[in-house]
Amino acid sequence: MPRLSLRRPVRALRRCAARPHVLFGGVYGAVLASSMVAALTEQGETAPADRLSSAQWLLVTAVASALAHGYAHLIALRGDRTHHGVRAAVRLLLSEWPLVVATGPTLLLLLGAAWGWWPSAGIEYAAFALNVVLLFAWGLLAARAAGRTWGSALKIGTVDALLGLAVVAANAVIK
């Protein structure tokens, strides 16, 4: 009986995750999720119903952001004076899926708080921590995909996480 190996699927997943549009969507989605949680919890409402509302707003905002990015790319591609067609336009819009997927962990935290799986109060801190870890992971993945050593990639991931934290803090202050 042949042994099942996870190496091939893991390598394929790593290659997929290292694609520029996936990295972009992952980072943007993590920052967007943290910024949305900061903005939505600014009023101090922590009831489960408020967390459900926050989850709904996060999902709507993620989808709207993904569509806006796809639309912007579509308009930018028109500048090359070639006709891309409806199928290409739909494919381009759908290629923004990583942004929406990257908000999934925060969405799950908010829904879990709304459904009583864990306390609703303070869930924003868990969301921030989770997204900082995700930003670190995206930075680490990008650095490793670029051929950096583990030591260098760990430093880059740390700086990327801190930069993401600064962006989220700036967004929270602005809103």
C-alpha atoms as a PDB file:
ATOM      1  CA  MET A   1       0.000   0.000   0.000  1.00  0.00           C
ATOM      2  CA  PRO A   2       1.566   3.344  -1.024  1.00  0.00           C
ATOM      3  CA  ARG A   3       2.234   5.916   1.672  1.00  0.00           C
ATOM      4  CA  LEU A   4       0.339   9.132   1.373  1.00  0.00           C
ATOM      5  CA  SER A   5       2.591  12.144   1.196  1.00  0.00           C
ATOM      6  CA  LEU A   6       1.527  15.646   2.060  1.00  0.00           C
ATOM      7  CA  ARG A   7       4.576  17.220   0.420  1.00  0.00           C
ATOM      8  CA  ARG A   8       3.010  17.743  -2.987  1.00  0.00           C
ATOM      9  CA  PRO A   9      -0.227  19.384  -1.746  1.00  0.00           C
ATOM     10  CA  VAL A  10       1.725  21.540   0.713  1.00  0.00           C
ATOM     11  CA  ARG A  11       4.101  22.668  -2.041  1.00  0.00           C
ATOM     12  CA  ALA A  12       1.171  23.460  -4.332  1.00  0.00           C
ATOM     13  CA  LEU A  13      -0.544  25.439  -1.575  1.00  0.00           C
ATOM     14  CA  ARG A  14       2.675  27.324  -0.840  1.00  0.00           C
ATOM     15  CA  ARG A  15       3.105  28.162  -4.556  1.00  0.00           C
ATOM     16  CA  CYS A  16      -0.483  29.389  -4.747  1.00  0.00           C
ATOM     17  CA  ALA A  17      -0.142  31.483  -1.584  1.00  0.00           C
ATOM     18  CA  ALA A  18       3.092  33.040  -2.842  1.00  0.00           C
ATOM     19  CA  ARG A  19       1.456  34.511  -5.943  1.00  0.00           C
ATOM     20  CA  PRO A  20       1.468  38.319  -5.840  1.00  0.00           C
ATOM     21  CA  HIS A  21      -2.324  38.725  -6.036  1.00  0.00           C
ATOM     22  CA  VAL A  22      -2.830  36.196  -3.229  1.00  0.00           C
ATOM     23  CA  LEU A  23      -0.208  37.908  -1.050  1.00  0.00           C
ATOM     24  CA  PHE A  24      -1.772  41.286  -1.813  1.00  0.00           C
ATOM     25  CA  GLY A  25      -5.255  40.047  -0.980  1.00  0.00           C
ATOM     26  CA  GLY A  26      -4.084  38.310   2.185  1.00  0.00           C
ATOM     27  CA  VAL A  27      -2.309  41.367   3.537  1.00  0.00           C
ATOM     28  CA  TYR A  28      -5.046  43.763   2.472  1.00  0.00           C
ATOM     29  CA  GLY A  29      -7.744  41.517   3.934  1.00  0.00           C
ATOM     30  CA  ALA A  30      -5.973  41.220   7.303  1.00  0.00           C
ATOM     31  CA  VAL A  31      -5.495  44.990   7.529  1.00  0.00           C
ATOM     32  CA  LEU A  32      -9.072  45.612   6.384  1.00  0.00           C
ATOM     33  CA  ALA A  33     -10.463  43.176   8.961  1.00  0.00           C
ATOM     34  CA  SER A  34      -8.528  44.792  11.806  1.00  0.00           C
ATOM     35  CA  SER A  35      -9.490  48.289  10.701  1.00  0.00           C
ATOM     36  CA  MET A  36     -13.150  47.327  10.427  1.00  0.00           C
ATOM     37  CA  VAL A  37     -13.168  45.734  13.886  1.00  0.00           C
ATOM     38  CA  ALA A  38     -11.526  48.859  15.310  1.00  0.00           C
ATOM     39  CA  ALA A  39     -14.062  51.130  13.644  1.00  0.00           C
ATOM     40  CA  LEU A  40     -17.072  49.010  14.536  1.00  0.00           C
ATOM     41  CA  THR A  41     -16.146  48.543  18.204  1.00  0.00           C
ATOM     42  CA  GLU A  42     -15.258  52.201  18.717  1.00  0.00           C
ATOM     43  CA  GLN A  43     -18.741  52.818  20.138  1.00  0.00           C
ATOM     44  CA  GLY A  44     -18.058  50.316  22.911  1.00  0.00           C
ATOM     45  CA  GLU A  45     -20.951  48.007  22.020  1.00  0.00           C
ATOM     46  CA  THR A  46     -20.011  44.415  22.846  1.00  0.00           C
ATOM     47  CA  ALA A  47     -23.336  42.557  22.901  1.00  0.00           C
ATOM     48  CA  PRO A  48     -23.554  39.421  20.748  1.00  0.00           C
ATOM     49  CA  ALA A  49     -26.016  41.168  18.415  1.00  0.00           C
ATOM     50  CA  ASP A  50     -23.449  43.920  17.881  1.00  0.00           C
ATOM     51  CA  ARG A  51     -20.804  41.323  17.011  1.00  0.00           C
ATOM     52  CA  LEU A  52     -23.170  39.756  14.480  1.00  0.00           C
ATOM     53  CA  SER A  53     -23.730  43.162  12.935  1.00  0.00           C
ATOM     54  CA  SER A  54     -19.958  43.732  12.864  1.00  0.00           C
ATOM     55  CA  ALA A  55     -19.464  40.390  11.114  1.00  0.00           C
ATOM     56  CA  GLN A  56     -22.063  41.314   8.508  1.00  0.00           C
ATOM     57  CA  TRP A  57     -20.444  44.702   7.903  1.00  0.00           C
ATOM     58  CA  LEU A  58     -17.015  43.104   7.639  1.00  0.00           C
ATOM     59  CA  LEU A  59     -18.243  40.660   5.001  1.00  0.00           C
ATOM     60  CA  VAL A  60     -20.016  43.385   3.007  1.00  0.00           C
ATOM     61  CA  THR A  61     -16.951  45.622   3.181  1.00  0.00           C
ATOM     62  CA  ALA A  62     -14.596  42.818   2.143  1.00  0.00           C
ATOM     63  CA  VAL A  63     -16.725  41.930  -0.886  1.00  0.00           C
ATOM     64  CA  ALA A  64     -17.126  45.609  -1.825  1.00  0.00           C
ATOM     65  CA  SER A  65     -13.365  46.161  -1.480  1.00  0.00           C
ATOM     66  CA  ALA A  66     -12.606  43.122  -3.612  1.00  0.00           C
ATOM     67  CA  LEU A  67     -15.017  44.322  -6.298  1.00  0.00           C
ATOM     68  CA  ALA A  68     -13.515  47.819  -6.166  1.00  0.00           C
ATOM     69  CA  HIS A  69     -10.013  46.407  -6.631  1.00  0.00           C
ATOM     70  CA  GLY A  70     -11.121  44.195  -9.498  1.00  0.00           C
ATOM     71  CA  TYR A  71     -12.964  47.096 -11.101  1.00  0.00           C
ATOM     72  CA  ALA A  72      -9.895  49.334 -10.795  1.00  0.00           C
ATOM     73  CA  HIS A  73      -7.743  46.656 -12.432  1.00  0.00           C
ATOM     74  CA  LEU A  74     -10.318  46.285 -15.194  1.00  0.00           C
ATOM     75  CA  ILE A  75     -10.293  50.015 -15.938  1.00  0.00           C
ATOM     76  CA  ALA A  76      -6.486  50.066 -15.819  1.00  0.00           C
ATOM     77  CA  LEU A  77      -6.316  47.220 -18.337  1.00  0.00           C
ATOM     78  CA  ARG A  78      -8.467  49.164 -20.759  1.00  0.00           C
ATOM     79  CA  GLY A  79      -5.557  51.535 -21.123  1.00  0.00           C
ATOM     80  CA  ASP A  80      -3.664  48.948 -23.172  1.00  0.00           C
ATOM     81  CA  ARG A  81      -6.295  49.427 -25.916  1.00  0.00           C
ATOM     82  CA  THR A  82      -7.201  45.775 -26.220  1.00  0.00           C
ATOM     83  CA  HIS A  83     -10.671  44.369 -25.825  1.00  0.00           C
ATOM     84  CA  HIS A  84     -10.783  41.842 -23.002  1.00  0.00           C
ATOM     85  CA  GLY A  85     -14.442  40.829 -23.101  1.00  0.00           C
ATOM     86  CA  VAL A  86     -17.010  39.987 -20.459  1.00  0.00           C
ATOM     87  CA  ARG A  87     -15.470  36.656 -19.480  1.00  0.00           C
ATOM     88  CA  ALA A  88     -12.094  38.263 -18.846  1.00  0.00           C
ATOM     89  CA  ALA A  89     -13.788  40.990 -16.799  1.00  0.00           C
ATOM     90  CA  VAL A  90     -15.650  38.467 -14.648  1.00  0.00           C
ATOM     91  CA  ARG A  91     -12.466  36.417 -14.236  1.00  0.00           C
ATOM     92  CA  LEU A  92     -10.604  39.547 -13.141  1.00  0.00           C
ATOM     93  CA  LEU A  93     -13.291  40.429 -10.600  1.00  0.00           C
ATOM     94  CA  LEU A  94     -13.318  36.880  -9.241  1.00  0.00           C
ATOM     95  CA  SER A  95      -9.529  36.885  -8.950  1.00  0.00           C
ATOM     96  CA  GLU A  96      -9.884  39.195  -5.953  1.00  0.00           C
ATOM     97  CA  TRP A  97     -11.069  36.253  -3.796  1.00  0.00           C
ATOM     98  CA  PRO A  98      -7.951  36.287  -1.567  1.00  0.00           C
ATOM     99  CA  LEU A  99      -9.004  39.623  -0.065  1.00  0.00           C
ATOM    100  CA  VAL A 100     -12.368  38.225   1.005  1.00  0.00           C
ATOM    101  CA  VAL A 101     -10.910  34.932   2.245  1.00  0.00           C
ATOM    102  CA  ALA A 102      -8.301  36.784   4.321  1.00  0.00           C
ATOM    103  CA  THR A 103     -11.064  38.385   6.381  1.00  0.00           C
ATOM    104  CA  GLY A 104     -12.405  34.904   7.203  1.00  0.00           C
ATOM    105  CA  PRO A 105     -10.556  34.364  10.507  1.00  0.00           C
ATOM    106  CA  THR A 106     -11.799  37.696  11.880  1.00  0.00           C
ATOM    107  CA  LEU A 107     -15.266  36.961  10.561  1.00  0.00           C
ATOM    108  CA  LEU A 108     -15.190  33.620  12.377  1.00  0.00           C
ATOM    109  CA  LEU A 109     -14.114  35.308  15.629  1.00  0.00           C
ATOM    110  CA  LEU A 110     -16.968  37.810  15.378  1.00  0.00           C
ATOM    111  CA  LEU A 111     -19.523  35.152  14.501  1.00  0.00           C
ATOM    112  CA  GLY A 112     -18.299  32.944  17.344  1.00  0.00           C
ATOM    113  CA  ALA A 113     -18.791  35.846  19.754  1.00  0.00           C
ATOM    114  CA  ALA A 114     -22.229  36.535  18.293  1.00  0.00           C
ATOM    115  CA  TRP A 115     -23.271  32.887  18.634  1.00  0.00           C
ATOM    116  CA  GLY A 116     -21.966  32.571  22.185  1.00  0.00           C
ATOM    117  CA  TRP A 117     -19.027  30.287  21.437  1.00  0.00           C
ATOM    118  CA  TRP A 118     -16.804  32.646  23.461  1.00  0.00           C
ATOM    119  CA  PRO A 119     -17.255  35.935  25.302  1.00  0.00           C
ATOM    120  CA  SER A 120     -18.277  38.861  23.154  1.00  0.00           C
ATOM    121  CA  ALA A 121     -16.511  41.522  25.200  1.00  0.00           C
ATOM    122  CA  GLY A 122     -12.908  42.037  24.165  1.00  0.00           C
ATOM    123  CA  ILE A 123     -13.063  39.931  21.003  1.00  0.00           C
ATOM    124  CA  GLU A 124     -11.530  42.839  19.080  1.00  0.00           C
ATOM    125  CA  TYR A 125      -8.229  42.251  20.902  1.00  0.00           C
ATOM    126  CA  ALA A 126      -8.204  38.635  19.790  1.00  0.00           C
ATOM    127  CA  ALA A 127      -8.975  39.794  16.232  1.00  0.00           C
ATOM    128  CA  PHE A 128      -6.104  42.288  16.297  1.00  0.00           C
ATOM    129  CA  ALA A 129      -3.691  39.676  17.637  1.00  0.00           C
ATOM    130  CA  LEU A 130      -4.812  37.118  15.067  1.00  0.00           C
ATOM    131  CA  ASN A 131      -4.405  39.580  12.204  1.00  0.00           C
ATOM    132  CA  VAL A 132      -0.945  40.643  13.380  1.00  0.00           C
ATOM    133  CA  VAL A 133       0.043  36.961  13.368  1.00  0.00           C
ATOM    134  CA  LEU A 134      -1.426  36.626   9.870  1.00  0.00           C
ATOM    135  CA  LEU A 135       0.523  39.682   8.673  1.00  0.00           C
ATOM    136  CA  PHE A 136       3.679  38.123  10.090  1.00  0.00           C
ATOM    137  CA  ALA A 137       2.869  34.880   8.254  1.00  0.00           C
ATOM    138  CA  TRP A 138       2.228  36.676   4.948  1.00  0.00           C
ATOM    139  CA  GLY A 139       5.529  38.544   5.284  1.00  0.00           C
ATOM    140  CA  LEU A 140       7.368  35.351   6.152  1.00  0.00           C
ATOM    141  CA  LEU A 141       5.781  33.498   3.225  1.00  0.00           C
ATOM    142  CA  ALA A 142       6.629  36.271   0.760  1.00  0.00           C
ATOM    143  CA  ALA A 143      10.227  36.438   1.980  1.00  0.00           C
ATOM    144  CA  ARG A 144      10.681  32.665   1.754  1.00  0.00           C
ATOM    145  CA  ALA A 145       9.097  32.627  -1.724  1.00  0.00           C
ATOM    146  CA  ALA A 146      11.650  35.284  -2.737  1.00  0.00           C
ATOM    147  CA  GLY A 147      14.440  32.945  -1.652  1.00  0.00           C
ATOM    148  CA  ARG A 148      15.358  34.587   1.659  1.00  0.00           C
ATOM    149  CA  THR A 149      16.926  32.541   4.433  1.00  0.00           C
ATOM    150  CA  TRP A 150      14.778  31.619   7.431  1.00  0.00           C
ATOM    151  CA  GLY A 151      16.550  34.183   9.627  1.00  0.00           C
ATOM    152  CA  SER A 152      16.031  36.963   7.120  1.00  0.00           C
ATOM    153  CA  ALA A 153      12.435  35.873   6.468  1.00  0.00           C
ATOM    154  CA  LEU A 154      11.657  35.934  10.204  1.00  0.00           C
ATOM    155  CA  LYS A 155      12.974  39.497  10.449  1.00  0.00           C
ATOM    156  CA  ILE A 156      10.996  40.557   7.387  1.00  0.00           C
ATOM    157  CA  GLY A 157       7.846  38.919   8.749  1.00  0.00           C
ATOM    158  CA  THR A 158       8.294  40.738  12.059  1.00  0.00           C
ATOM    159  CA  VAL A 159       8.758  44.106  10.345  1.00  0.00           C
ATOM    160  CA  ASP A 160       5.735  43.414   8.125  1.00  0.00           C
ATOM    161  CA  ALA A 161       3.608  42.588  11.179  1.00  0.00           C
ATOM    162  CA  LEU A 162       4.713  45.808  12.912  1.00  0.00           C
ATOM    163  CA  LEU A 163       4.058  47.829   9.766  1.00  0.00           C
ATOM    164  CA  GLY A 164       0.597  46.276   9.507  1.00  0.00           C
ATOM    165  CA  LEU A 165      -0.031  47.116  13.143  1.00  0.00           C
ATOM    166  CA  ALA A 166       0.958  50.735  12.445  1.00  0.00           C
ATOM    167  CA  VAL A 167      -1.407  50.876   9.448  1.00  0.00           C
ATOM    168  CA  VAL A 168      -4.271  49.462  11.516  1.00  0.00           C
ATOM    169  CA  ALA A 169      -3.554  51.938  14.336  1.00  0.00           C
ATOM    170  CA  ALA A 170      -3.486  54.822  11.861  1.00  0.00           C
ATOM    171  CA  ASN A 171      -6.797  53.675  10.365  1.00  0.00           C
ATOM    172  CA  ALA A 172      -8.332  53.437  13.834  1.00  0.00           C
ATOM    173  CA  VAL A 173      -7.176  56.956  14.726  1.00  0.00           C
ATOM    174  CA  ILE A 174      -8.474  58.374  11.433  1.00  0.00           C
ATOM    175  CA  LYS A 175     -11.922  56.813  11.886  1.00  0.00           C
END
